Amino acid sequence: MFLFPPRLDRRVVDAGRVFCPRRGSDVDVDRCAGCEFLTAFDDRANPPTIRCRPDCALPAFLLRAL
């Protein structure tokens, strides 16, 4: 049990792109859809939203491996 529940933010899909907290920038939804941290994709919402974890960006040296 968590003392504070993990934070899940809604990220808005705009023109097929969404902000990725791992990369710290916008990515194509196709790339986001394959991510292991994706928890929900609500395409019925207006605008469509994505929920994922983690809420922090990865260090720059790890981004090169992705």
PDB file of N, CA and C in Angstrom:
ATOM      1  N   MET A   1       0.838  -1.184   0.000  1.00  0.00           N
ATOM      2  CA  MET A   1       0.000   0.000   0.000  1.00  0.00           C
ATOM      3  C   MET A   1       0.880   1.244   0.000  1.00  0.00           C
ATOM      4  N   PHE A   2       0.504   2.205  -0.807  1.00  0.00           N
ATOM      5  CA  PHE A   2       1.252   3.455  -0.919  1.00  0.00           C
ATOM      6  C   PHE A   2       0.767   4.468   0.102  1.00  0.00           C
ATOM      7  N   LEU A   3       1.698   5.219   0.651  1.00  0.00           N
ATOM      8  CA  LEU A   3       1.316   6.331   1.513  1.00  0.00           C
ATOM      9  C   LEU A   3       0.648   7.410   0.677  1.00  0.00           C
ATOM     10  N   PHE A   4       1.242   7.692  -0.485  1.00  0.00           N
ATOM     11  CA  PHE A   4       0.650   8.597  -1.466  1.00  0.00           C
ATOM     12  C   PHE A   4       0.474   7.806  -2.749  1.00  0.00           C
ATOM     13  N   PRO A   5      -0.713   7.754  -3.313  1.00  0.00           N
ATOM     14  CA  PRO A   5      -0.906   6.979  -4.539  1.00  0.00           C
ATOM     15  C   PRO A   5      -0.089   7.552  -5.685  1.00  0.00           C
ATOM     16  N   PRO A   6       0.359   6.688  -6.620  1.00  0.00           N
ATOM     17  CA  PRO A   6       1.113   7.178  -7.765  1.00  0.00           C
ATOM     18  C   PRO A   6       0.266   8.156  -8.582  1.00  0.00           C
ATOM     19  N   ARG A   7       0.912   9.185  -9.078  1.00  0.00           N
ATOM     20  CA  ARG A   7       0.214  10.220  -9.822  1.00  0.00           C
ATOM     21  C   ARG A   7       0.049   9.797 -11.280  1.00  0.00           C
ATOM     22  N   LEU A   8      -1.156   9.903 -11.780  1.00  0.00           N
ATOM     23  CA  LEU A   8      -1.437   9.624 -13.184  1.00  0.00           C
ATOM     24  C   LEU A   8      -1.998  10.886 -13.807  1.00  0.00           C
ATOM     25  N   ASP A   9      -1.255  11.509 -14.673  1.00  0.00           N
ATOM     26  CA  ASP A   9      -1.708  12.714 -15.330  1.00  0.00           C
ATOM     27  C   ASP A   9      -2.328  12.378 -16.665  1.00  0.00           C
ATOM     28  N   ARG A  10      -3.291  13.167 -17.039  1.00  0.00           N
ATOM     29  CA  ARG A  10      -3.857  13.054 -18.372  1.00  0.00           C
ATOM     30  C   ARG A  10      -3.052  13.936 -19.301  1.00  0.00           C
ATOM     31  N   ARG A  11      -2.666  13.363 -20.388  1.00  0.00           N
ATOM     32  CA  ARG A  11      -1.919  14.105 -21.399  1.00  0.00           C
ATOM     33  C   ARG A  11      -2.773  14.173 -22.643  1.00  0.00           C
ATOM     34  N   VAL A  12      -2.947  15.365 -23.161  1.00  0.00           N
ATOM     35  CA  VAL A  12      -3.842  15.606 -24.288  1.00  0.00           C
ATOM     36  C   VAL A  12      -3.158  15.248 -25.603  1.00  0.00           C
ATOM     37  N   VAL A  13      -3.899  14.524 -26.447  1.00  0.00           N
ATOM     38  CA  VAL A  13      -3.422  14.186 -27.789  1.00  0.00           C
ATOM     39  C   VAL A  13      -3.820  15.336 -28.711  1.00  0.00           C
ATOM     40  N   ASP A  14      -2.837  15.914 -29.400  1.00  0.00           N
ATOM     41  CA  ASP A  14      -3.080  17.028 -30.307  1.00  0.00           C
ATOM     42  C   ASP A  14      -2.405  16.742 -31.639  1.00  0.00           C
ATOM     43  N   ALA A  15      -3.200  16.642 -32.688  1.00  0.00           N
ATOM     44  CA  ALA A  15      -2.697  16.390 -34.039  1.00  0.00           C
ATOM     45  C   ALA A  15      -1.834  15.127 -34.097  1.00  0.00           C
ATOM     46  N   GLY A  16      -2.258  14.089 -33.371  1.00  0.00           N
ATOM     47  CA  GLY A  16      -1.538  12.822 -33.399  1.00  0.00           C
ATOM     48  C   GLY A  16      -0.277  12.781 -32.558  1.00  0.00           C
ATOM     49  N   ARG A  17      -0.053  13.815 -31.732  1.00  0.00           N
ATOM     50  CA  ARG A  17       1.134  13.868 -30.881  1.00  0.00           C
ATOM     51  C   ARG A  17       0.714  14.080 -29.440  1.00  0.00           C
ATOM     52  N   VAL A  18       1.566  13.617 -28.519  1.00  0.00           N
ATOM     53  CA  VAL A  18       1.293  13.728 -27.094  1.00  0.00           C
ATOM     54  C   VAL A  18       2.618  13.946 -26.365  1.00  0.00           C
ATOM     55  N   PHE A  19       2.568  14.657 -25.236  1.00  0.00           N
ATOM     56  CA  PHE A  19       3.780  14.888 -24.455  1.00  0.00           C
ATOM     57  C   PHE A  19       4.199  13.609 -23.753  1.00  0.00           C
ATOM     58  N   CYS A  20       5.463  13.256 -23.880  1.00  0.00           N
ATOM     59  CA  CYS A  20       6.013  12.065 -23.239  1.00  0.00           C
ATOM     60  C   CYS A  20       6.880  12.497 -22.056  1.00  0.00           C
ATOM     61  N   PRO A  21       6.498  12.112 -20.829  1.00  0.00           N
ATOM     62  CA  PRO A  21       7.296  12.511 -19.670  1.00  0.00           C
ATOM     63  C   PRO A  21       8.657  11.812 -19.626  1.00  0.00           C
ATOM     64  N   ARG A  22       8.783  10.669 -20.268  1.00  0.00           N
ATOM     65  CA  ARG A  22      10.073   9.967 -20.304  1.00  0.00           C
ATOM     66  C   ARG A  22      11.073  10.716 -21.167  1.00  0.00           C
ATOM     67  N   ARG A  23      10.626  11.229 -22.284  1.00  0.00           N
ATOM     68  CA  ARG A  23      11.523  11.912 -23.216  1.00  0.00           C
ATOM     69  C   ARG A  23      11.546  13.423 -23.017  1.00  0.00           C
ATOM     70  N   GLY A  24      10.549  13.952 -22.333  1.00  0.00           N
ATOM     71  CA  GLY A  24      10.502  15.386 -22.087  1.00  0.00           C
ATOM     72  C   GLY A  24      10.112  16.192 -23.309  1.00  0.00           C
ATOM     73  N   SER A  25       9.435  15.550 -24.279  1.00  0.00           N
ATOM     74  CA  SER A  25       9.001  16.254 -25.491  1.00  0.00           C
ATOM     75  C   SER A  25       7.797  15.532 -26.086  1.00  0.00           C
ATOM     76  N   ASP A  26       7.235  16.118 -27.143  1.00  0.00           N
ATOM     77  CA  ASP A  26       6.104  15.500 -27.824  1.00  0.00           C
ATOM     78  C   ASP A  26       6.569  14.339 -28.692  1.00  0.00           C
ATOM     79  N   VAL A  27       5.745  13.291 -28.754  1.00  0.00           N
ATOM     80  CA  VAL A  27       6.023  12.121 -29.596  1.00  0.00           C
ATOM     81  C   VAL A  27       4.747  11.746 -30.333  1.00  0.00           C
ATOM     82  N   ASP A  28       4.889  10.969 -31.402  1.00  0.00           N
ATOM     83  CA  ASP A  28       3.722  10.449 -32.103  1.00  0.00           C
ATOM     84  C   ASP A  28       2.969   9.495 -31.188  1.00  0.00           C
ATOM     85  N   VAL A  29       1.658   9.488 -31.298  1.00  0.00           N
ATOM     86  CA  VAL A  29       0.833   8.617 -30.464  1.00  0.00           C
ATOM     87  C   VAL A  29       1.202   7.153 -30.693  1.00  0.00           C
ATOM     88  N   ASP A  30       1.611   6.798 -31.905  1.00  0.00           N
ATOM     89  CA  ASP A  30       2.017   5.418 -32.179  1.00  0.00           C
ATOM     90  C   ASP A  30       3.165   4.991 -31.273  1.00  0.00           C
ATOM     91  N   ARG A  31       4.103   5.876 -31.057  1.00  0.00           N
ATOM     92  CA  ARG A  31       5.237   5.557 -30.181  1.00  0.00           C
ATOM     93  C   ARG A  31       4.776   5.445 -28.730  1.00  0.00           C
ATOM     94  N   CYS A  32       3.876   6.310 -28.340  1.00  0.00           N
ATOM     95  CA  CYS A  32       3.352   6.290 -26.981  1.00  0.00           C
ATOM     96  C   CYS A  32       2.532   5.021 -26.749  1.00  0.00           C
ATOM     97  N   ALA A  33       1.788   4.594 -27.741  1.00  0.00           N
ATOM     98  CA  ALA A  33       0.919   3.426 -27.598  1.00  0.00           C
ATOM     99  C   ALA A  33       1.704   2.159 -27.288  1.00  0.00           C
ATOM    100  N   GLY A  34       2.951   2.074 -27.709  1.00  0.00           N
ATOM    101  CA  GLY A  34       3.762   0.899 -27.436  1.00  0.00           C
ATOM    102  C   GLY A  34       4.574   0.983 -26.161  1.00  0.00           C
ATOM    103  N   CYS A  35       4.436   2.046 -25.422  1.00  0.00           N
ATOM    104  CA  CYS A  35       5.241   2.257 -24.217  1.00  0.00           C
ATOM    105  C   CYS A  35       4.723   1.418 -23.053  1.00  0.00           C
ATOM    106  N   GLU A  36       5.632   0.885 -22.265  1.00  0.00           N
ATOM    107  CA  GLU A  36       5.256   0.056 -21.121  1.00  0.00           C
ATOM    108  C   GLU A  36       4.603   0.851 -19.995  1.00  0.00           C
ATOM    109  N   PHE A  37       4.741   2.176 -19.997  1.00  0.00           N
ATOM    110  CA  PHE A  37       4.180   3.003 -18.935  1.00  0.00           C
ATOM    111  C   PHE A  37       2.779   3.515 -19.247  1.00  0.00           C
ATOM    112  N   LEU A  38       2.251   3.219 -20.429  1.00  0.00           N
ATOM    113  CA  LEU A  38       0.896   3.618 -20.797  1.00  0.00           C
ATOM    114  C   LEU A  38      -0.102   2.872 -19.919  1.00  0.00           C
ATOM    115  N   THR A  39      -1.037   3.593 -19.298  1.00  0.00           N
ATOM    116  CA  THR A  39      -2.036   2.954 -18.452  1.00  0.00           C
ATOM    117  C   THR A  39      -3.435   3.068 -19.034  1.00  0.00           C
ATOM    118  N   ALA A  40      -3.705   4.115 -19.829  1.00  0.00           N
ATOM    119  CA  ALA A  40      -5.031   4.276 -20.409  1.00  0.00           C
ATOM    120  C   ALA A  40      -4.965   5.205 -21.607  1.00  0.00           C
ATOM    121  N   PHE A  41      -5.794   4.913 -22.589  1.00  0.00           N
ATOM    122  CA  PHE A  41      -5.936   5.777 -23.757  1.00  0.00           C
ATOM    123  C   PHE A  41      -7.426   6.005 -23.950  1.00  0.00           C
ATOM    124  N   ASP A  42      -7.881   7.240 -23.779  1.00  0.00           N
ATOM    125  CA  ASP A  42      -9.300   7.569 -23.884  1.00  0.00           C
ATOM    126  C   ASP A  42      -9.538   8.333 -25.174  1.00  0.00           C
ATOM    127  N   ASP A  43      -9.882   7.592 -26.233  1.00  0.00           N
ATOM    128  CA  ASP A  43     -10.119   8.239 -27.515  1.00  0.00           C
ATOM    129  C   ASP A  43     -11.537   8.786 -27.633  1.00  0.00           C
ATOM    130  N   ARG A  44     -12.393   8.515 -26.647  1.00  0.00           N
ATOM    131  CA  ARG A  44     -13.758   9.061 -26.658  1.00  0.00           C
ATOM    132  C   ARG A  44     -13.830  10.433 -26.008  1.00  0.00           C
ATOM    133  N   ALA A  45     -12.793  10.770 -25.242  1.00  0.00           N
ATOM    134  CA  ALA A  45     -12.758  12.092 -24.604  1.00  0.00           C
ATOM    135  C   ALA A  45     -12.571  13.168 -25.670  1.00  0.00           C
ATOM    136  N   ASN A  46     -12.965  14.374 -25.336  1.00  0.00           N
ATOM    137  CA  ASN A  46     -12.794  15.488 -26.265  1.00  0.00           C
ATOM    138  C   ASN A  46     -12.005  16.577 -25.569  1.00  0.00           C
ATOM    139  N   PRO A  47     -10.751  16.726 -25.848  1.00  0.00           N
ATOM    140  CA  PRO A  47      -9.892  16.016 -26.786  1.00  0.00           C
ATOM    141  C   PRO A  47      -9.451  14.667 -26.212  1.00  0.00           C
ATOM    142  N   PRO A  48      -8.973  13.741 -27.068  1.00  0.00           N
ATOM    143  CA  PRO A  48      -8.490  12.447 -26.585  1.00  0.00           C
ATOM    144  C   PRO A  48      -7.338  12.634 -25.601  1.00  0.00           C
ATOM    145  N   THR A  49      -7.259  11.734 -24.625  1.00  0.00           N
ATOM    146  CA  THR A  49      -6.206  11.832 -23.619  1.00  0.00           C
ATOM    147  C   THR A  49      -5.513  10.491 -23.422  1.00  0.00           C
ATOM    148  N   ILE A  50      -4.309  10.587 -22.899  1.00  0.00           N
ATOM    149  CA  ILE A  50      -3.506   9.416 -22.552  1.00  0.00           C
ATOM    150  C   ILE A  50      -3.082   9.576 -21.103  1.00  0.00           C
ATOM    151  N   ARG A  51      -3.082   8.453 -20.372  1.00  0.00           N
ATOM    152  CA  ARG A  51      -2.601   8.444 -18.988  1.00  0.00           C
ATOM    153  C   ARG A  51      -1.436   7.488 -18.916  1.00  0.00           C
ATOM    154  N   CYS A  52      -0.369   7.932 -18.273  1.00  0.00           N
ATOM    155  CA  CYS A  52       0.808   7.080 -18.166  1.00  0.00           C
ATOM    156  C   CYS A  52       1.632   7.436 -16.945  1.00  0.00           C
ATOM    157  N   ARG A  53       2.603   6.556 -16.653  1.00  0.00           N
ATOM    158  CA  ARG A  53       3.617   6.777 -15.632  1.00  0.00           C
ATOM    159  C   ARG A  53       4.943   6.584 -16.308  1.00  0.00           C
ATOM    160  N   PRO A  54       6.014   7.068 -15.939  1.00  0.00           N
ATOM    161  CA  PRO A  54       6.289   7.892 -14.769  1.00  0.00           C
ATOM    162  C   PRO A  54       6.029   9.364 -15.071  1.00  0.00           C
ATOM    163  N   ASP A  55       6.047  10.171 -14.030  1.00  0.00           N
ATOM    164  CA  ASP A  55       5.845  11.606 -14.187  1.00  0.00           C
ATOM    165  C   ASP A  55       7.155  12.368 -14.295  1.00  0.00           C
ATOM    166  N   CYS A  56       8.269  11.668 -14.261  1.00  0.00           N
ATOM    167  CA  CYS A  56       9.553  12.348 -14.363  1.00  0.00           C
ATOM    168  C   CYS A  56      10.259  11.920 -15.647  1.00  0.00           C
ATOM    169  N   ALA A  57      11.049  12.806 -16.183  1.00  0.00           N
ATOM    170  CA  ALA A  57      11.793  12.512 -17.402  1.00  0.00           C
ATOM    171  C   ALA A  57      12.997  11.644 -17.076  1.00  0.00           C
ATOM    172  N   LEU A  58      13.410  10.864 -18.051  1.00  0.00           N
ATOM    173  CA  LEU A  58      14.613  10.060 -17.883  1.00  0.00           C
ATOM    174  C   LEU A  58      15.848  10.939 -18.031  1.00  0.00           C
ATOM    175  N   PRO A  59      16.950  10.583 -17.390  1.00  0.00           N
ATOM    176  CA  PRO A  59      18.205  11.320 -17.584  1.00  0.00           C
ATOM    177  C   PRO A  59      18.640  11.252 -19.050  1.00  0.00           C
ATOM    178  N   ALA A  60      19.300  12.282 -19.521  1.00  0.00           N
ATOM    179  CA  ALA A  60      19.695  12.382 -20.926  1.00  0.00           C
ATOM    180  C   ALA A  60      20.509  11.197 -21.407  1.00  0.00           C
ATOM    181  N   PHE A  61      21.398  10.647 -20.562  1.00  0.00           N
ATOM    182  CA  PHE A  61      22.234   9.535 -21.016  1.00  0.00           C
ATOM    183  C   PHE A  61      21.408   8.272 -21.275  1.00  0.00           C
ATOM    184  N   LEU A  62      20.243   8.126 -20.637  1.00  0.00           N
ATOM    185  CA  LEU A  62      19.389   6.986 -20.888  1.00  0.00           C
ATOM    186  C   LEU A  62      18.532   7.176 -22.138  1.00  0.00           C
ATOM    187  N   LEU A  63      18.233   8.424 -22.494  1.00  0.00           N
ATOM    188  CA  LEU A  63      17.409   8.697 -23.671  1.00  0.00           C
ATOM    189  C   LEU A  63      18.091   8.229 -24.957  1.00  0.00           C
ATOM    190  N   ARG A  64      19.411   8.251 -24.986  1.00  0.00           N
ATOM    191  CA  ARG A  64      20.133   7.830 -26.190  1.00  0.00           C
ATOM    192  C   ARG A  64      19.884   6.353 -26.495  1.00  0.00           C
ATOM    193  N   ALA A  65      19.616   5.555 -25.463  1.00  0.00           N
ATOM    194  CA  ALA A  65      19.379   4.120 -25.646  1.00  0.00           C
ATOM    195  C   ALA A  65      17.986   3.840 -26.166  1.00  0.00           C
ATOM    196  N   LEU A  66      17.060   4.791 -25.996  1.00  0.00           N
ATOM    197  CA  LEU A  66      15.684   4.576 -26.449  1.00  0.00           C
ATOM    198  C   LEU A  66      15.629   4.855 -27.899  1.00  0.00           C
TER     199      LEU A  66
END
